[in-house]
Amino acid sequence: MAQSVEPEAAEPEAAEPGIAEPAPSPGVVPLSPLPAAQFTQLQTQTARLLQVQTNLTIELPTNLPVIHIGKPNDRIPPDIDVSGFPNSEIVSRVHADIRVEPDAYYIEDLGSSNGTYINNVPLPAGNRHRLRVGDRIALGKGDKVTFLFQA
């Protein structure tokens, strides 16, 4: 006849001497840990520019507080280089900046030769405009190098 062997029962771990487990309060149900999928994840806002004339989308860098727009130069290299777009000759080398703040994006003309236009209205040099989804950004006169702000 085969003998069956019962597994040994594990002994409960002893608490450290002098430290007692807190007793649950009457009527309080202890919480169990939430599965990782139930934690809220922070969402990062991503923004992009849709270049109207070419239908090309440019993702705005998320790691820069200031995004320089223009053409290659020795002073401030552009983060968004427009030199490859049609009619880019009307865009200044140091044309505009997009400033990234926790709650919004702002565009500022940096004294460009042909100006920056927001929704067909000139943006005075040095003034900031808070970008809203759908804003039309024209670099230079004549709406020849144009972007739509998307988020």
N, C-alpha and C. Protein backbone atom coordinates (compact mmCIF):
# COMPACT_ATOMS: atom_id res chain seq x y z
N MET A 1 0.82 -1.16 0.00
CA MET A 1 0.00 0.00 0.00
C MET A 1 0.88 1.24 0.00
N ALA A 2 0.51 2.25 -0.84
CA ALA A 2 1.31 3.48 -0.93
C ALA A 2 0.86 4.43 0.16
N GLN A 3 1.85 5.02 0.75
CA GLN A 3 1.53 6.01 1.78
C GLN A 3 1.43 7.38 1.15
N SER A 4 0.45 8.16 1.55
CA SER A 4 0.37 9.53 1.05
C SER A 4 1.05 10.44 2.05
N VAL A 5 1.74 11.37 1.49
CA VAL A 5 2.47 12.31 2.34
C VAL A 5 1.74 13.65 2.27
N GLU A 6 1.35 14.14 3.39
CA GLU A 6 0.67 15.44 3.47
C GLU A 6 1.73 16.54 3.46
N PRO A 7 1.55 17.60 2.65
CA PRO A 7 2.51 18.71 2.70
C PRO A 7 2.42 19.40 4.05
N GLU A 8 3.58 19.85 4.50
CA GLU A 8 3.61 20.53 5.79
C GLU A 8 2.96 21.89 5.65
N ALA A 9 2.19 22.26 6.63
CA ALA A 9 1.55 23.57 6.62
C ALA A 9 2.60 24.63 6.93
N ALA A 10 2.55 25.71 6.19
CA ALA A 10 3.51 26.79 6.43
C ALA A 10 3.14 27.49 7.71
N GLU A 11 4.17 27.77 8.49
CA GLU A 11 3.92 28.47 9.73
C GLU A 11 3.81 29.96 9.45
N PRO A 12 2.89 30.65 10.10
CA PRO A 12 2.78 32.09 9.89
C PRO A 12 4.06 32.77 10.35
N GLU A 13 4.43 33.84 9.58
CA GLU A 13 5.64 34.56 9.94
C GLU A 13 5.42 35.29 11.24
N ALA A 14 6.42 35.26 12.05
CA ALA A 14 6.31 35.95 13.33
C ALA A 14 6.56 37.43 13.13
N ALA A 15 5.80 38.24 13.79
CA ALA A 15 6.01 39.69 13.72
C ALA A 15 7.24 40.02 14.53
N GLU A 16 7.85 41.15 14.18
CA GLU A 16 9.03 41.57 14.94
C GLU A 16 8.62 41.81 16.38
N PRO A 17 9.50 41.45 17.30
CA PRO A 17 9.15 41.63 18.70
C PRO A 17 8.85 43.11 19.01
N GLY A 18 7.81 43.34 19.73
CA GLY A 18 7.47 44.70 20.15
C GLY A 18 6.64 45.46 19.13
N ILE A 19 6.39 44.88 17.93
CA ILE A 19 5.58 45.58 16.91
C ILE A 19 4.34 44.74 16.68
N ALA A 20 3.22 45.34 16.95
CA ALA A 20 1.96 44.63 16.78
C ALA A 20 1.31 45.08 15.48
N GLU A 21 0.62 44.16 14.81
CA GLU A 21 -0.13 44.51 13.61
C GLU A 21 -1.31 45.37 14.05
N PRO A 22 -1.57 46.48 13.34
CA PRO A 22 -2.71 47.30 13.73
C PRO A 22 -4.01 46.56 13.44
N ALA A 23 -4.92 46.64 14.35
CA ALA A 23 -6.21 45.99 14.17
C ALA A 23 -7.08 46.89 13.30
N PRO A 24 -7.82 46.29 12.34
CA PRO A 24 -8.69 47.13 11.51
C PRO A 24 -9.78 47.77 12.36
N SER A 25 -10.13 49.00 12.00
CA SER A 25 -11.20 49.70 12.71
C SER A 25 -12.52 49.02 12.39
N PRO A 26 -13.42 49.02 13.35
CA PRO A 26 -14.72 48.38 13.09
C PRO A 26 -15.43 49.08 11.94
N GLY A 27 -15.98 48.30 11.02
CA GLY A 27 -16.74 48.87 9.91
C GLY A 27 -15.87 49.35 8.75
N VAL A 28 -14.54 49.23 8.84
CA VAL A 28 -13.66 49.68 7.77
C VAL A 28 -13.17 48.47 7.00
N VAL A 29 -13.35 48.51 5.71
CA VAL A 29 -12.90 47.42 4.86
C VAL A 29 -11.52 47.79 4.33
N PRO A 30 -10.52 46.94 4.55
CA PRO A 30 -9.18 47.27 4.05
C PRO A 30 -9.18 47.30 2.52
N LEU A 31 -8.43 48.24 1.95
CA LEU A 31 -8.34 48.38 0.50
C LEU A 31 -7.30 47.43 -0.04
N SER A 32 -7.60 46.86 -1.18
CA SER A 32 -6.60 46.04 -1.84
C SER A 32 -5.92 46.90 -2.90
N PRO A 33 -4.68 46.59 -3.23
CA PRO A 33 -3.99 47.41 -4.22
C PRO A 33 -4.70 47.35 -5.57
N LEU A 34 -4.69 48.48 -6.30
CA LEU A 34 -5.31 48.53 -7.61
C LEU A 34 -4.39 47.91 -8.65
N PRO A 35 -4.95 47.22 -9.62
CA PRO A 35 -4.10 46.75 -10.72
C PRO A 35 -3.52 47.95 -11.46
N ALA A 36 -2.36 47.78 -12.05
CA ALA A 36 -1.66 48.88 -12.72
C ALA A 36 -2.53 49.54 -13.79
N ALA A 37 -3.41 48.79 -14.43
CA ALA A 37 -4.22 49.35 -15.51
C ALA A 37 -5.22 50.37 -15.01
N GLN A 38 -5.52 50.38 -13.70
CA GLN A 38 -6.52 51.31 -13.19
C GLN A 38 -5.92 52.65 -12.76
N PHE A 39 -4.60 52.79 -12.76
CA PHE A 39 -4.00 54.06 -12.39
C PHE A 39 -4.17 55.04 -13.53
N THR A 40 -4.39 56.28 -13.21
CA THR A 40 -4.49 57.32 -14.23
C THR A 40 -3.11 57.66 -14.74
N GLN A 41 -2.98 57.72 -16.04
CA GLN A 41 -1.71 58.11 -16.64
C GLN A 41 -1.81 59.56 -17.06
N LEU A 42 -0.72 60.30 -16.83
CA LEU A 42 -0.70 61.69 -17.27
C LEU A 42 -0.63 61.72 -18.78
N GLN A 43 -1.44 62.56 -19.38
CA GLN A 43 -1.42 62.68 -20.81
C GLN A 43 -0.62 63.92 -21.18
N THR A 44 0.26 63.76 -22.13
CA THR A 44 1.02 64.91 -22.59
C THR A 44 0.37 65.43 -23.84
N GLN A 45 0.19 66.72 -23.87
CA GLN A 45 -0.42 67.33 -25.02
C GLN A 45 0.60 67.40 -26.14
N THR A 46 0.23 66.91 -27.29
CA THR A 46 1.12 67.03 -28.43
C THR A 46 0.48 67.99 -29.41
N ALA A 47 1.32 68.80 -30.03
CA ALA A 47 0.83 69.77 -31.00
C ALA A 47 1.60 69.59 -32.29
N ARG A 48 1.00 70.02 -33.36
CA ARG A 48 1.65 69.92 -34.66
C ARG A 48 1.19 71.07 -35.54
N LEU A 49 1.96 71.27 -36.59
CA LEU A 49 1.63 72.27 -37.59
C LEU A 49 1.37 71.54 -38.90
N LEU A 50 0.25 71.84 -39.53
CA LEU A 50 -0.05 71.29 -40.85
C LEU A 50 0.32 72.36 -41.86
N GLN A 51 1.29 72.06 -42.71
CA GLN A 51 1.72 73.01 -43.73
C GLN A 51 0.70 72.95 -44.86
N VAL A 52 -0.02 74.05 -45.05
CA VAL A 52 -1.17 74.08 -45.94
C VAL A 52 -0.78 73.79 -47.39
N GLN A 53 0.29 74.40 -47.88
CA GLN A 53 0.64 74.27 -49.29
C GLN A 53 1.10 72.85 -49.67
N THR A 54 1.69 72.11 -48.74
CA THR A 54 2.21 70.78 -49.05
C THR A 54 1.45 69.65 -48.35
N ASN A 55 0.56 70.00 -47.43
CA ASN A 55 -0.20 69.03 -46.63
C ASN A 55 0.73 68.17 -45.76
N LEU A 56 1.90 68.70 -45.40
CA LEU A 56 2.87 68.01 -44.56
C LEU A 56 2.61 68.38 -43.09
N THR A 57 2.63 67.39 -42.21
CA THR A 57 2.44 67.64 -40.78
C THR A 57 3.79 67.63 -40.08
N ILE A 58 4.02 68.64 -39.24
CA ILE A 58 5.25 68.74 -38.47
C ILE A 58 4.89 68.66 -36.99
N GLU A 59 5.39 67.63 -36.31
CA GLU A 59 5.17 67.50 -34.87
C GLU A 59 6.04 68.53 -34.16
N LEU A 60 5.46 69.26 -33.21
CA LEU A 60 6.26 70.20 -32.43
C LEU A 60 7.04 69.42 -31.38
N PRO A 61 8.33 69.72 -31.24
CA PRO A 61 9.13 69.01 -30.23
C PRO A 61 8.54 69.22 -28.84
N THR A 62 8.48 68.14 -28.07
CA THR A 62 7.89 68.24 -26.72
C THR A 62 8.95 68.55 -25.67
N ASN A 63 10.22 68.48 -26.04
CA ASN A 63 11.29 68.66 -25.06
C ASN A 63 11.91 70.06 -25.08
N LEU A 64 11.36 70.96 -25.88
CA LEU A 64 11.91 72.32 -25.98
C LEU A 64 10.92 73.34 -25.44
N PRO A 65 11.37 74.27 -24.61
CA PRO A 65 10.46 75.32 -24.14
C PRO A 65 10.22 76.39 -25.20
N VAL A 66 11.18 76.55 -26.13
CA VAL A 66 11.05 77.52 -27.21
C VAL A 66 11.42 76.81 -28.51
N ILE A 67 10.55 76.91 -29.51
CA ILE A 67 10.76 76.28 -30.80
C ILE A 67 11.00 77.40 -31.81
N HIS A 68 12.18 77.41 -32.41
CA HIS A 68 12.55 78.46 -33.36
C HIS A 68 12.11 78.05 -34.77
N ILE A 69 11.46 78.99 -35.47
CA ILE A 69 11.00 78.77 -36.84
C ILE A 69 11.76 79.71 -37.76
N GLY A 70 12.30 79.18 -38.84
CA GLY A 70 13.02 80.01 -39.79
C GLY A 70 13.81 79.16 -40.76
N LYS A 71 14.94 79.72 -41.20
CA LYS A 71 15.83 79.02 -42.14
C LYS A 71 17.22 78.95 -41.53
N PRO A 72 18.05 78.02 -41.99
CA PRO A 72 19.40 77.88 -41.42
C PRO A 72 20.16 79.20 -41.40
N ASN A 73 20.84 79.45 -40.28
CA ASN A 73 21.60 80.68 -40.10
C ASN A 73 22.63 80.46 -39.01
N ASP A 74 23.51 81.45 -38.83
CA ASP A 74 24.57 81.34 -37.82
C ASP A 74 24.13 81.83 -36.45
N ARG A 75 23.02 82.53 -36.37
CA ARG A 75 22.60 83.14 -35.11
C ARG A 75 21.77 82.19 -34.24
N ILE A 76 20.61 81.79 -34.76
CA ILE A 76 19.72 80.88 -34.02
C ILE A 76 19.26 79.80 -35.00
N PRO A 77 19.84 78.61 -34.93
CA PRO A 77 19.42 77.54 -35.85
C PRO A 77 17.94 77.20 -35.63
N PRO A 78 17.20 77.01 -36.71
CA PRO A 78 15.76 76.74 -36.54
C PRO A 78 15.50 75.30 -36.07
N ASP A 79 14.51 75.16 -35.22
CA ASP A 79 14.02 73.83 -34.85
C ASP A 79 13.05 73.35 -35.92
N ILE A 80 12.35 74.31 -36.54
CA ILE A 80 11.50 74.01 -37.70
C ILE A 80 12.09 74.79 -38.86
N ASP A 81 12.71 74.06 -39.78
CA ASP A 81 13.39 74.64 -40.93
C ASP A 81 12.40 74.68 -42.09
N VAL A 82 12.04 75.87 -42.54
CA VAL A 82 11.06 76.01 -43.62
C VAL A 82 11.72 76.19 -44.98
N SER A 83 13.05 76.07 -45.04
CA SER A 83 13.74 76.34 -46.30
C SER A 83 13.34 75.39 -47.43
N GLY A 84 12.82 74.23 -47.12
CA GLY A 84 12.41 73.29 -48.16
C GLY A 84 11.00 73.49 -48.68
N PHE A 85 10.25 74.40 -48.09
CA PHE A 85 8.87 74.61 -48.51
C PHE A 85 8.81 75.58 -49.69
N PRO A 86 7.79 75.44 -50.55
CA PRO A 86 7.63 76.40 -51.65
C PRO A 86 7.49 77.83 -51.09
N ASN A 87 8.06 78.79 -51.78
CA ASN A 87 8.00 80.22 -51.44
C ASN A 87 8.71 80.57 -50.14
N SER A 88 9.63 79.73 -49.69
CA SER A 88 10.30 79.99 -48.41
C SER A 88 11.19 81.23 -48.44
N GLU A 89 11.43 81.79 -49.63
CA GLU A 89 12.26 82.99 -49.70
C GLU A 89 11.63 84.18 -48.97
N ILE A 90 10.32 84.14 -48.71
CA ILE A 90 9.68 85.24 -47.98
C ILE A 90 9.80 85.09 -46.46
N VAL A 91 10.32 83.94 -46.01
CA VAL A 91 10.47 83.67 -44.57
C VAL A 91 11.87 84.11 -44.13
N SER A 92 11.95 84.83 -43.02
CA SER A 92 13.24 85.27 -42.49
C SER A 92 14.00 84.09 -41.89
N ARG A 93 15.31 84.26 -41.79
CA ARG A 93 16.15 83.19 -41.19
C ARG A 93 15.76 83.00 -39.73
N VAL A 94 15.57 84.08 -39.01
CA VAL A 94 15.06 84.03 -37.63
C VAL A 94 13.69 84.70 -37.69
N HIS A 95 12.64 83.89 -37.86
CA HIS A 95 11.33 84.46 -38.17
C HIS A 95 10.41 84.56 -36.94
N ALA A 96 10.17 83.42 -36.30
CA ALA A 96 9.22 83.40 -35.18
C ALA A 96 9.60 82.31 -34.20
N ASP A 97 9.07 82.42 -32.99
CA ASP A 97 9.24 81.40 -31.95
C ASP A 97 7.88 80.93 -31.50
N ILE A 98 7.79 79.64 -31.20
CA ILE A 98 6.63 79.10 -30.49
C ILE A 98 7.12 78.76 -29.09
N ARG A 99 6.48 79.36 -28.09
CA ARG A 99 6.83 79.11 -26.70
C ARG A 99 5.85 78.10 -26.13
N VAL A 100 6.43 77.09 -25.50
CA VAL A 100 5.62 76.01 -24.92
C VAL A 100 5.51 76.27 -23.42
N GLU A 101 4.29 76.45 -22.95
CA GLU A 101 4.05 76.63 -21.52
C GLU A 101 3.12 75.50 -21.07
N PRO A 102 3.05 75.25 -19.77
CA PRO A 102 2.25 74.10 -19.31
C PRO A 102 0.80 74.10 -19.79
N ASP A 103 0.22 75.28 -19.96
CA ASP A 103 -1.19 75.34 -20.31
C ASP A 103 -1.47 75.73 -21.75
N ALA A 104 -0.44 76.14 -22.52
CA ALA A 104 -0.72 76.65 -23.86
C ALA A 104 0.55 76.79 -24.68
N TYR A 105 0.34 77.05 -25.96
CA TYR A 105 1.42 77.38 -26.90
C TYR A 105 1.23 78.82 -27.33
N TYR A 106 2.32 79.57 -27.43
CA TYR A 106 2.28 80.96 -27.85
C TYR A 106 3.24 81.15 -29.01
N ILE A 107 2.85 82.00 -29.98
CA ILE A 107 3.74 82.32 -31.08
C ILE A 107 4.10 83.80 -31.00
N GLU A 108 5.34 84.11 -31.37
CA GLU A 108 5.84 85.48 -31.33
C GLU A 108 6.67 85.73 -32.58
N ASP A 109 6.40 86.83 -33.26
CA ASP A 109 7.22 87.24 -34.38
C ASP A 109 8.49 87.88 -33.83
N LEU A 110 9.64 87.55 -34.43
CA LEU A 110 10.92 88.04 -33.91
C LEU A 110 11.47 89.20 -34.73
N GLY A 111 10.58 90.00 -35.32
CA GLY A 111 11.03 91.13 -36.14
C GLY A 111 11.35 90.70 -37.56
N SER A 112 10.62 89.73 -38.06
CA SER A 112 10.86 89.23 -39.41
C SER A 112 10.60 90.30 -40.46
N SER A 113 11.23 90.13 -41.60
CA SER A 113 11.10 91.13 -42.68
C SER A 113 9.69 91.22 -43.24
N ASN A 114 9.03 90.08 -43.40
CA ASN A 114 7.71 90.06 -44.04
C ASN A 114 6.57 89.76 -43.09
N GLY A 115 6.85 89.68 -41.81
CA GLY A 115 5.80 89.54 -40.80
C GLY A 115 5.26 88.14 -40.62
N THR A 116 4.50 88.01 -39.54
CA THR A 116 3.77 86.79 -39.21
C THR A 116 2.31 87.19 -39.09
N TYR A 117 1.43 86.38 -39.66
CA TYR A 117 0.00 86.67 -39.65
C TYR A 117 -0.73 85.52 -38.99
N ILE A 118 -1.62 85.86 -38.07
CA ILE A 118 -2.45 84.86 -37.39
C ILE A 118 -3.88 85.09 -37.85
N ASN A 119 -4.44 84.11 -38.52
CA ASN A 119 -5.80 84.22 -39.05
C ASN A 119 -5.96 85.49 -39.90
N ASN A 120 -4.94 85.75 -40.72
CA ASN A 120 -4.90 86.88 -41.66
C ASN A 120 -4.74 88.24 -40.99
N VAL A 121 -4.40 88.28 -39.71
CA VAL A 121 -4.18 89.53 -38.99
C VAL A 121 -2.69 89.60 -38.64
N PRO A 122 -2.03 90.73 -38.96
CA PRO A 122 -0.59 90.82 -38.65
C PRO A 122 -0.33 90.74 -37.14
N LEU A 123 0.70 89.99 -36.78
CA LEU A 123 1.14 89.89 -35.39
C LEU A 123 2.30 90.85 -35.21
N PRO A 124 2.13 91.93 -34.43
CA PRO A 124 3.24 92.87 -34.26
C PRO A 124 4.47 92.18 -33.65
N ALA A 125 5.64 92.56 -34.13
CA ALA A 125 6.89 91.98 -33.63
C ALA A 125 6.97 92.13 -32.12
N GLY A 126 7.35 91.07 -31.44
CA GLY A 126 7.48 91.10 -29.99
C GLY A 126 6.20 90.78 -29.25
N ASN A 127 5.05 90.80 -29.91
CA ASN A 127 3.79 90.43 -29.26
C ASN A 127 3.59 88.93 -29.36
N ARG A 128 3.00 88.38 -28.32
CA ARG A 128 2.70 86.95 -28.31
C ARG A 128 1.23 86.73 -28.60
N HIS A 129 0.95 85.62 -29.27
CA HIS A 129 -0.43 85.22 -29.53
C HIS A 129 -0.60 83.80 -29.02
N ARG A 130 -1.61 83.59 -28.18
CA ARG A 130 -1.90 82.24 -27.68
C ARG A 130 -2.54 81.44 -28.81
N LEU A 131 -1.89 80.34 -29.17
CA LEU A 131 -2.39 79.53 -30.28
C LEU A 131 -3.58 78.69 -29.84
N ARG A 132 -4.56 78.65 -30.71
CA ARG A 132 -5.74 77.82 -30.51
C ARG A 132 -5.86 76.86 -31.69
N VAL A 133 -6.45 75.71 -31.45
CA VAL A 133 -6.61 74.73 -32.52
C VAL A 133 -7.31 75.39 -33.70
N GLY A 134 -6.73 75.21 -34.87
CA GLY A 134 -7.30 75.78 -36.09
C GLY A 134 -6.72 77.12 -36.49
N ASP A 135 -5.90 77.74 -35.62
CA ASP A 135 -5.29 79.02 -35.98
C ASP A 135 -4.46 78.85 -37.24
N ARG A 136 -4.56 79.84 -38.12
CA ARG A 136 -3.82 79.86 -39.39
C ARG A 136 -2.61 80.77 -39.20
N ILE A 137 -1.43 80.22 -39.35
CA ILE A 137 -0.17 80.95 -39.15
C ILE A 137 0.48 81.13 -40.52
N ALA A 138 0.59 82.37 -40.98
CA ALA A 138 1.25 82.65 -42.25
C ALA A 138 2.58 83.32 -41.95
N LEU A 139 3.65 82.74 -42.48
CA LEU A 139 4.98 83.33 -42.33
C LEU A 139 5.25 84.16 -43.57
N GLY A 140 5.18 85.47 -43.43
CA GLY A 140 5.35 86.36 -44.58
C GLY A 140 4.01 86.74 -45.19
N LYS A 141 4.09 87.73 -46.07
CA LYS A 141 2.88 88.26 -46.72
C LYS A 141 2.36 87.30 -47.78
N GLY A 142 1.09 87.40 -48.05
CA GLY A 142 0.50 86.69 -49.16
C GLY A 142 0.06 85.26 -48.88
N ASP A 143 0.13 84.82 -47.63
CA ASP A 143 -0.37 83.49 -47.27
C ASP A 143 0.28 82.39 -48.12
N LYS A 144 1.61 82.52 -48.37
CA LYS A 144 2.32 81.58 -49.23
C LYS A 144 3.01 80.46 -48.46
N VAL A 145 3.38 80.72 -47.20
CA VAL A 145 3.96 79.69 -46.33
C VAL A 145 3.08 79.68 -45.09
N THR A 146 2.13 78.75 -45.09
CA THR A 146 1.05 78.78 -44.10
C THR A 146 0.94 77.45 -43.37
N PHE A 147 0.63 77.56 -42.07
CA PHE A 147 0.47 76.39 -41.22
C PHE A 147 -0.86 76.51 -40.48
N LEU A 148 -1.47 75.37 -40.20
CA LEU A 148 -2.62 75.31 -39.30
C LEU A 148 -2.15 74.67 -38.01
N PHE A 149 -2.48 75.31 -36.87
CA PHE A 149 -2.09 74.78 -35.57
C PHE A 149 -3.09 73.69 -35.18
N GLN A 150 -2.55 72.52 -34.81
CA GLN A 150 -3.37 71.39 -34.38
C GLN A 150 -2.85 70.85 -33.06
N ALA A 151 -3.76 70.35 -32.23
CA ALA A 151 -3.36 69.76 -30.94
C ALA A 151 -4.08 68.45 -30.75
